[in-house]
Amino acid sequence: MRAKPNPKGVPILKKKIDNSREYVLKLAQLGCTNEEIADIAGMSVSSLKKHLKKEMDEGRGNLRQSLRKAQIEAAIREKNTGMLIWLGKCYLGQKEPKHNIEHSGALTIEKVTFSRKEKK
């Protein structure tokens, strides 16, 4: 189905797409889903994917870059130990040491009961 031209001869969908490029880029940078972006831009998800894929990819790339930067800053500036460990695992190949626990026989667990002393 082709878009109907407006009185000036420019197809309505093309005009809508051209006007939506910067807006779609910003929405993708915020992490909006395809459905959310399409709804806000007033077009179908398939039209969005077909005509504005470049803007969506660029926006989501910018989002990932901003998140990485924030994580690294939190790790280094704020000395966030958890973030330092996570980044070390992701970027430096660091991992938790494996603990070798050997068992050399049967294990018996007896029932343990607790009693509560009443105050007098």
N, C-alpha and C. Protein backbone atom coordinates (compact mmCIF):
# COMPACT_ATOMS: atom_id res chain seq x y z
N MET A 1 0.84 -1.16 0.00
CA MET A 1 0.00 0.00 0.00
C MET A 1 0.89 1.23 0.00
N ARG A 2 0.74 2.08 -0.94
CA ARG A 2 1.54 3.29 -1.06
C ARG A 2 0.89 4.43 -0.32
N ALA A 3 1.73 5.29 0.20
CA ALA A 3 1.22 6.48 0.88
C ALA A 3 0.62 7.43 -0.14
N LYS A 4 -0.47 8.06 0.23
CA LYS A 4 -1.13 9.01 -0.67
C LYS A 4 -0.39 10.34 -0.63
N PRO A 5 -0.16 10.95 -1.80
CA PRO A 5 0.51 12.25 -1.78
C PRO A 5 -0.40 13.33 -1.21
N ASN A 6 0.23 14.30 -0.54
CA ASN A 6 -0.55 15.44 -0.06
C ASN A 6 -0.66 16.45 -1.21
N PRO A 7 -1.33 17.56 -1.02
CA PRO A 7 -1.52 18.50 -2.13
C PRO A 7 -0.22 18.99 -2.77
N LYS A 8 0.87 18.99 -2.04
CA LYS A 8 2.14 19.46 -2.60
C LYS A 8 2.88 18.36 -3.35
N GLY A 9 2.37 17.14 -3.33
CA GLY A 9 2.98 16.05 -4.05
C GLY A 9 3.95 15.21 -3.25
N VAL A 10 4.16 15.52 -1.97
CA VAL A 10 5.08 14.75 -1.13
C VAL A 10 4.26 13.69 -0.39
N PRO A 11 4.63 12.41 -0.51
CA PRO A 11 3.87 11.38 0.22
C PRO A 11 3.83 11.68 1.72
N ILE A 12 2.67 11.47 2.33
CA ILE A 12 2.47 11.78 3.74
C ILE A 12 3.44 10.98 4.61
N LEU A 13 3.62 9.67 4.34
CA LEU A 13 4.50 8.84 5.16
C LEU A 13 5.94 9.35 5.10
N LYS A 14 6.41 9.72 3.91
CA LYS A 14 7.78 10.22 3.76
C LYS A 14 7.96 11.49 4.58
N LYS A 15 6.99 12.38 4.53
CA LYS A 15 7.07 13.62 5.30
C LYS A 15 7.10 13.32 6.80
N LYS A 16 6.27 12.37 7.24
CA LYS A 16 6.22 11.99 8.65
C LYS A 16 7.55 11.39 9.08
N ILE A 17 8.13 10.56 8.21
CA ILE A 17 9.42 9.93 8.53
C ILE A 17 10.52 10.98 8.63
N ASP A 18 10.58 11.89 7.69
CA ASP A 18 11.60 12.93 7.71
C ASP A 18 11.49 13.79 8.97
N ASN A 19 10.27 14.07 9.39
CA ASN A 19 10.06 14.89 10.59
C ASN A 19 10.33 14.11 11.88
N SER A 20 10.38 12.78 11.81
CA SER A 20 10.51 11.94 13.00
C SER A 20 11.95 11.51 13.28
N ARG A 21 12.86 11.73 12.37
CA ARG A 21 14.22 11.18 12.49
C ARG A 21 14.90 11.57 13.81
N GLU A 22 14.98 12.85 14.13
CA GLU A 22 15.66 13.30 15.34
C GLU A 22 14.93 12.83 16.59
N TYR A 23 13.60 12.84 16.53
CA TYR A 23 12.79 12.43 17.67
C TYR A 23 12.98 10.94 17.96
N VAL A 24 13.01 10.13 16.91
CA VAL A 24 13.22 8.68 17.07
C VAL A 24 14.60 8.42 17.66
N LEU A 25 15.60 9.15 17.21
CA LEU A 25 16.95 9.01 17.75
C LEU A 25 16.95 9.27 19.26
N LYS A 26 16.29 10.34 19.69
CA LYS A 26 16.25 10.68 21.11
C LYS A 26 15.47 9.65 21.93
N LEU A 27 14.37 9.15 21.38
CA LEU A 27 13.59 8.14 22.10
C LEU A 27 14.38 6.84 22.25
N ALA A 28 15.12 6.47 21.21
CA ALA A 28 15.94 5.26 21.28
C ALA A 28 17.06 5.43 22.31
N GLN A 29 17.61 6.64 22.43
CA GLN A 29 18.65 6.92 23.43
C GLN A 29 18.10 6.79 24.84
N LEU A 30 16.81 6.98 25.00
CA LEU A 30 16.18 6.84 26.31
C LEU A 30 15.84 5.38 26.63
N GLY A 31 15.97 4.50 25.64
CA GLY A 31 15.69 3.09 25.87
C GLY A 31 14.25 2.69 25.58
N CYS A 32 13.51 3.53 24.86
CA CYS A 32 12.12 3.19 24.51
C CYS A 32 12.09 1.96 23.60
N THR A 33 11.05 1.16 23.72
CA THR A 33 10.88 -0.01 22.87
C THR A 33 10.42 0.43 21.48
N ASN A 34 10.52 -0.49 20.52
CA ASN A 34 10.05 -0.20 19.17
C ASN A 34 8.57 0.19 19.19
N GLU A 35 7.79 -0.51 19.99
CA GLU A 35 6.36 -0.25 20.06
C GLU A 35 6.09 1.15 20.60
N GLU A 36 6.83 1.54 21.63
CA GLU A 36 6.66 2.87 22.21
C GLU A 36 7.04 3.96 21.21
N ILE A 37 8.16 3.76 20.54
CA ILE A 37 8.61 4.76 19.56
C ILE A 37 7.61 4.87 18.42
N ALA A 38 7.16 3.74 17.91
CA ALA A 38 6.19 3.75 16.80
C ALA A 38 4.90 4.44 17.22
N ASP A 39 4.45 4.18 18.42
CA ASP A 39 3.22 4.80 18.92
C ASP A 39 3.37 6.31 19.01
N ILE A 40 4.48 6.76 19.57
CA ILE A 40 4.72 8.20 19.71
C ILE A 40 4.90 8.87 18.35
N ALA A 41 5.59 8.18 17.43
CA ALA A 41 5.84 8.74 16.10
C ALA A 41 4.61 8.65 15.20
N GLY A 42 3.61 7.87 15.63
CA GLY A 42 2.38 7.75 14.85
C GLY A 42 2.53 6.89 13.60
N MET A 43 3.28 5.80 13.72
CA MET A 43 3.44 4.88 12.59
C MET A 43 3.51 3.46 13.11
N SER A 44 3.47 2.52 12.20
CA SER A 44 3.54 1.11 12.60
C SER A 44 4.98 0.74 12.93
N VAL A 45 5.13 -0.35 13.67
CA VAL A 45 6.46 -0.84 14.03
C VAL A 45 7.21 -1.24 12.77
N SER A 46 6.52 -1.85 11.82
CA SER A 46 7.19 -2.27 10.58
C SER A 46 7.69 -1.07 9.78
N SER A 47 6.92 0.02 9.74
CA SER A 47 7.38 1.24 9.05
C SER A 47 8.58 1.84 9.78
N LEU A 48 8.52 1.83 11.10
CA LEU A 48 9.62 2.34 11.90
C LEU A 48 10.90 1.56 11.61
N LYS A 49 10.81 0.24 11.64
CA LYS A 49 11.98 -0.61 11.39
C LYS A 49 12.51 -0.42 9.97
N LYS A 50 11.59 -0.26 9.03
CA LYS A 50 11.98 -0.15 7.62
C LYS A 50 12.63 1.20 7.31
N HIS A 51 12.08 2.27 7.84
CA HIS A 51 12.52 3.61 7.43
C HIS A 51 13.42 4.32 8.43
N LEU A 52 13.40 3.92 9.69
CA LEU A 52 14.16 4.66 10.70
C LEU A 52 15.10 3.75 11.50
N LYS A 53 15.50 2.64 10.90
CA LYS A 53 16.39 1.69 11.57
C LYS A 53 17.72 2.34 11.95
N LYS A 54 18.27 3.15 11.05
CA LYS A 54 19.55 3.80 11.31
C LYS A 54 19.47 4.67 12.57
N GLU A 55 18.41 5.45 12.71
CA GLU A 55 18.24 6.33 13.87
C GLU A 55 18.06 5.51 15.15
N MET A 56 17.30 4.41 15.06
CA MET A 56 17.10 3.56 16.24
C MET A 56 18.41 2.91 16.66
N ASP A 57 19.17 2.40 15.71
CA ASP A 57 20.45 1.76 16.02
C ASP A 57 21.43 2.78 16.63
N GLU A 58 21.49 3.98 16.06
CA GLU A 58 22.39 5.01 16.58
C GLU A 58 21.98 5.43 17.99
N GLY A 59 20.69 5.62 18.22
CA GLY A 59 20.21 6.01 19.54
C GLY A 59 20.50 4.96 20.59
N ARG A 60 20.29 3.71 20.25
CA ARG A 60 20.55 2.62 21.22
C ARG A 60 22.05 2.45 21.45
N GLY A 61 22.85 2.70 20.42
CA GLY A 61 24.30 2.69 20.60
C GLY A 61 24.75 3.78 21.55
N ASN A 62 24.15 4.96 21.42
CA ASN A 62 24.46 6.06 22.33
C ASN A 62 24.07 5.73 23.76
N LEU A 63 22.93 5.05 23.93
CA LEU A 63 22.48 4.63 25.25
C LEU A 63 23.49 3.67 25.88
N ARG A 64 23.93 2.66 25.12
CA ARG A 64 24.90 1.70 25.64
C ARG A 64 26.21 2.40 26.03
N GLN A 65 26.65 3.34 25.20
CA GLN A 65 27.88 4.07 25.49
C GLN A 65 27.73 4.88 26.78
N SER A 66 26.61 5.54 26.97
CA SER A 66 26.37 6.33 28.18
C SER A 66 26.34 5.45 29.42
N LEU A 67 25.71 4.28 29.31
CA LEU A 67 25.64 3.37 30.45
C LEU A 67 27.02 2.85 30.83
N ARG A 68 27.81 2.48 29.83
CA ARG A 68 29.17 2.01 30.11
C ARG A 68 29.99 3.09 30.80
N LYS A 69 29.88 4.30 30.30
CA LYS A 69 30.62 5.41 30.89
C LYS A 69 30.20 5.62 32.35
N ALA A 70 28.90 5.59 32.62
CA ALA A 70 28.41 5.77 33.99
C ALA A 70 28.88 4.65 34.90
N GLN A 71 28.89 3.41 34.39
CA GLN A 71 29.35 2.27 35.19
C GLN A 71 30.83 2.41 35.54
N ILE A 72 31.62 2.79 34.58
CA ILE A 72 33.05 2.93 34.82
C ILE A 72 33.33 4.07 35.79
N GLU A 73 32.60 5.17 35.63
CA GLU A 73 32.76 6.29 36.57
C GLU A 73 32.36 5.89 37.98
N ALA A 74 31.25 5.13 38.10
CA ALA A 74 30.82 4.68 39.43
C ALA A 74 31.88 3.77 40.05
N ALA A 75 32.47 2.92 39.23
CA ALA A 75 33.47 1.99 39.74
C ALA A 75 34.73 2.72 40.19
N ILE A 76 35.20 3.65 39.38
CA ILE A 76 36.48 4.30 39.66
C ILE A 76 36.34 5.47 40.63
N ARG A 77 35.47 6.39 40.33
CA ARG A 77 35.35 7.60 41.17
C ARG A 77 34.74 7.31 42.54
N GLU A 78 33.70 6.48 42.54
CA GLU A 78 32.99 6.21 43.79
C GLU A 78 33.52 4.96 44.50
N LYS A 79 34.52 4.33 43.91
CA LYS A 79 35.11 3.10 44.46
C LYS A 79 34.03 2.06 44.76
N ASN A 80 33.11 1.89 43.81
CA ASN A 80 32.01 0.93 43.94
C ASN A 80 32.58 -0.47 43.72
N THR A 81 32.80 -1.21 44.80
CA THR A 81 33.45 -2.52 44.73
C THR A 81 32.70 -3.49 43.84
N GLY A 82 31.39 -3.53 43.98
CA GLY A 82 30.59 -4.45 43.15
C GLY A 82 30.75 -4.15 41.68
N MET A 83 30.75 -2.87 41.33
CA MET A 83 30.91 -2.49 39.93
C MET A 83 32.31 -2.79 39.44
N LEU A 84 33.33 -2.59 40.29
CA LEU A 84 34.70 -2.92 39.91
C LEU A 84 34.84 -4.41 39.62
N ILE A 85 34.24 -5.24 40.45
CA ILE A 85 34.29 -6.70 40.24
C ILE A 85 33.59 -7.06 38.94
N TRP A 86 32.39 -6.51 38.73
CA TRP A 86 31.62 -6.84 37.52
C TRP A 86 32.38 -6.42 36.26
N LEU A 87 32.92 -5.20 36.26
CA LEU A 87 33.67 -4.73 35.09
C LEU A 87 34.93 -5.56 34.87
N GLY A 88 35.59 -5.97 35.96
CA GLY A 88 36.76 -6.83 35.83
C GLY A 88 36.41 -8.16 35.16
N LYS A 89 35.25 -8.71 35.51
CA LYS A 89 34.81 -9.96 34.88
C LYS A 89 34.47 -9.76 33.41
N CYS A 90 33.82 -8.64 33.10
CA CYS A 90 33.40 -8.38 31.72
C CYS A 90 34.57 -8.02 30.80
N TYR A 91 35.43 -7.13 31.25
CA TYR A 91 36.45 -6.58 30.37
C TYR A 91 37.84 -7.19 30.55
N LEU A 92 38.09 -7.77 31.71
CA LEU A 92 39.43 -8.28 31.99
C LEU A 92 39.48 -9.80 32.08
N GLY A 93 38.34 -10.46 31.92
CA GLY A 93 38.31 -11.92 31.97
C GLY A 93 38.51 -12.48 33.36
N GLN A 94 38.34 -11.65 34.37
CA GLN A 94 38.51 -12.13 35.74
C GLN A 94 37.30 -12.98 36.12
N LYS A 95 37.52 -13.92 37.03
CA LYS A 95 36.41 -14.77 37.47
C LYS A 95 36.63 -15.21 38.90
N GLU A 96 35.57 -15.70 39.49
CA GLU A 96 35.64 -16.21 40.85
C GLU A 96 36.46 -17.49 40.87
N PRO A 97 37.31 -17.68 41.88
CA PRO A 97 38.07 -18.93 41.94
C PRO A 97 37.13 -20.09 42.26
N LYS A 98 37.44 -21.23 41.66
CA LYS A 98 36.65 -22.43 41.94
C LYS A 98 37.19 -23.06 43.21
N HIS A 99 36.28 -23.45 44.07
CA HIS A 99 36.66 -24.11 45.32
C HIS A 99 36.46 -25.60 45.15
N ASN A 100 37.56 -26.35 45.29
CA ASN A 100 37.46 -27.80 45.19
C ASN A 100 37.16 -28.37 46.58
N ILE A 101 35.98 -28.88 46.71
CA ILE A 101 35.58 -29.48 47.98
C ILE A 101 35.47 -30.99 47.74
N GLU A 102 36.25 -31.71 48.52
CA GLU A 102 36.23 -33.16 48.37
C GLU A 102 35.46 -33.78 49.53
N HIS A 103 34.82 -34.86 49.23
CA HIS A 103 34.03 -35.58 50.24
C HIS A 103 34.57 -37.00 50.27
N SER A 104 34.95 -37.46 51.44
CA SER A 104 35.61 -38.76 51.51
C SER A 104 34.78 -39.83 52.23
N GLY A 105 33.52 -39.62 52.42
CA GLY A 105 32.75 -40.65 53.11
C GLY A 105 31.30 -40.22 53.28
N ALA A 106 30.62 -40.97 54.10
CA ALA A 106 29.20 -40.71 54.34
C ALA A 106 29.05 -39.48 55.21
N LEU A 107 27.94 -38.84 55.05
CA LEU A 107 27.64 -37.66 55.82
C LEU A 107 26.32 -37.89 56.54
N THR A 108 26.33 -37.70 57.85
CA THR A 108 25.12 -37.89 58.63
C THR A 108 24.74 -36.58 59.29
N ILE A 109 23.51 -36.20 59.11
CA ILE A 109 23.01 -34.99 59.75
C ILE A 109 21.93 -35.40 60.73
N GLU A 110 22.14 -35.05 61.97
CA GLU A 110 21.16 -35.38 62.98
C GLU A 110 20.19 -34.23 63.13
N LYS A 111 19.03 -34.56 63.62
CA LYS A 111 18.01 -33.55 63.84
C LYS A 111 18.46 -32.63 64.96
N VAL A 112 18.37 -31.34 64.70
CA VAL A 112 18.75 -30.35 65.69
C VAL A 112 17.49 -29.63 66.12
N THR A 113 17.31 -29.55 67.42
CA THR A 113 16.15 -28.83 67.93
C THR A 113 16.61 -27.68 68.80
N PHE A 114 15.87 -26.63 68.76
CA PHE A 114 16.17 -25.45 69.55
C PHE A 114 15.04 -25.26 70.54
N SER A 115 15.41 -24.89 71.73
CA SER A 115 14.37 -24.60 72.72
C SER A 115 14.53 -23.17 73.18
N ARG A 116 13.46 -22.59 73.53
CA ARG A 116 13.45 -21.20 73.94
C ARG A 116 13.29 -21.12 75.47
N LYS A 117 14.21 -20.42 76.06
CA LYS A 117 14.12 -20.26 77.52
C LYS A 117 13.11 -19.17 77.81
N GLU A 118 12.24 -19.47 78.72
CA GLU A 118 11.25 -18.48 79.12
C GLU A 118 11.80 -17.67 80.27
N LYS A 119 11.54 -16.37 80.23
CA LYS A 119 11.97 -15.50 81.30
C LYS A 119 11.00 -15.60 82.47
N LYS A 120 11.56 -15.61 83.65
CA LYS A 120 10.71 -15.70 84.85
C LYS A 120 10.70 -14.41 85.58
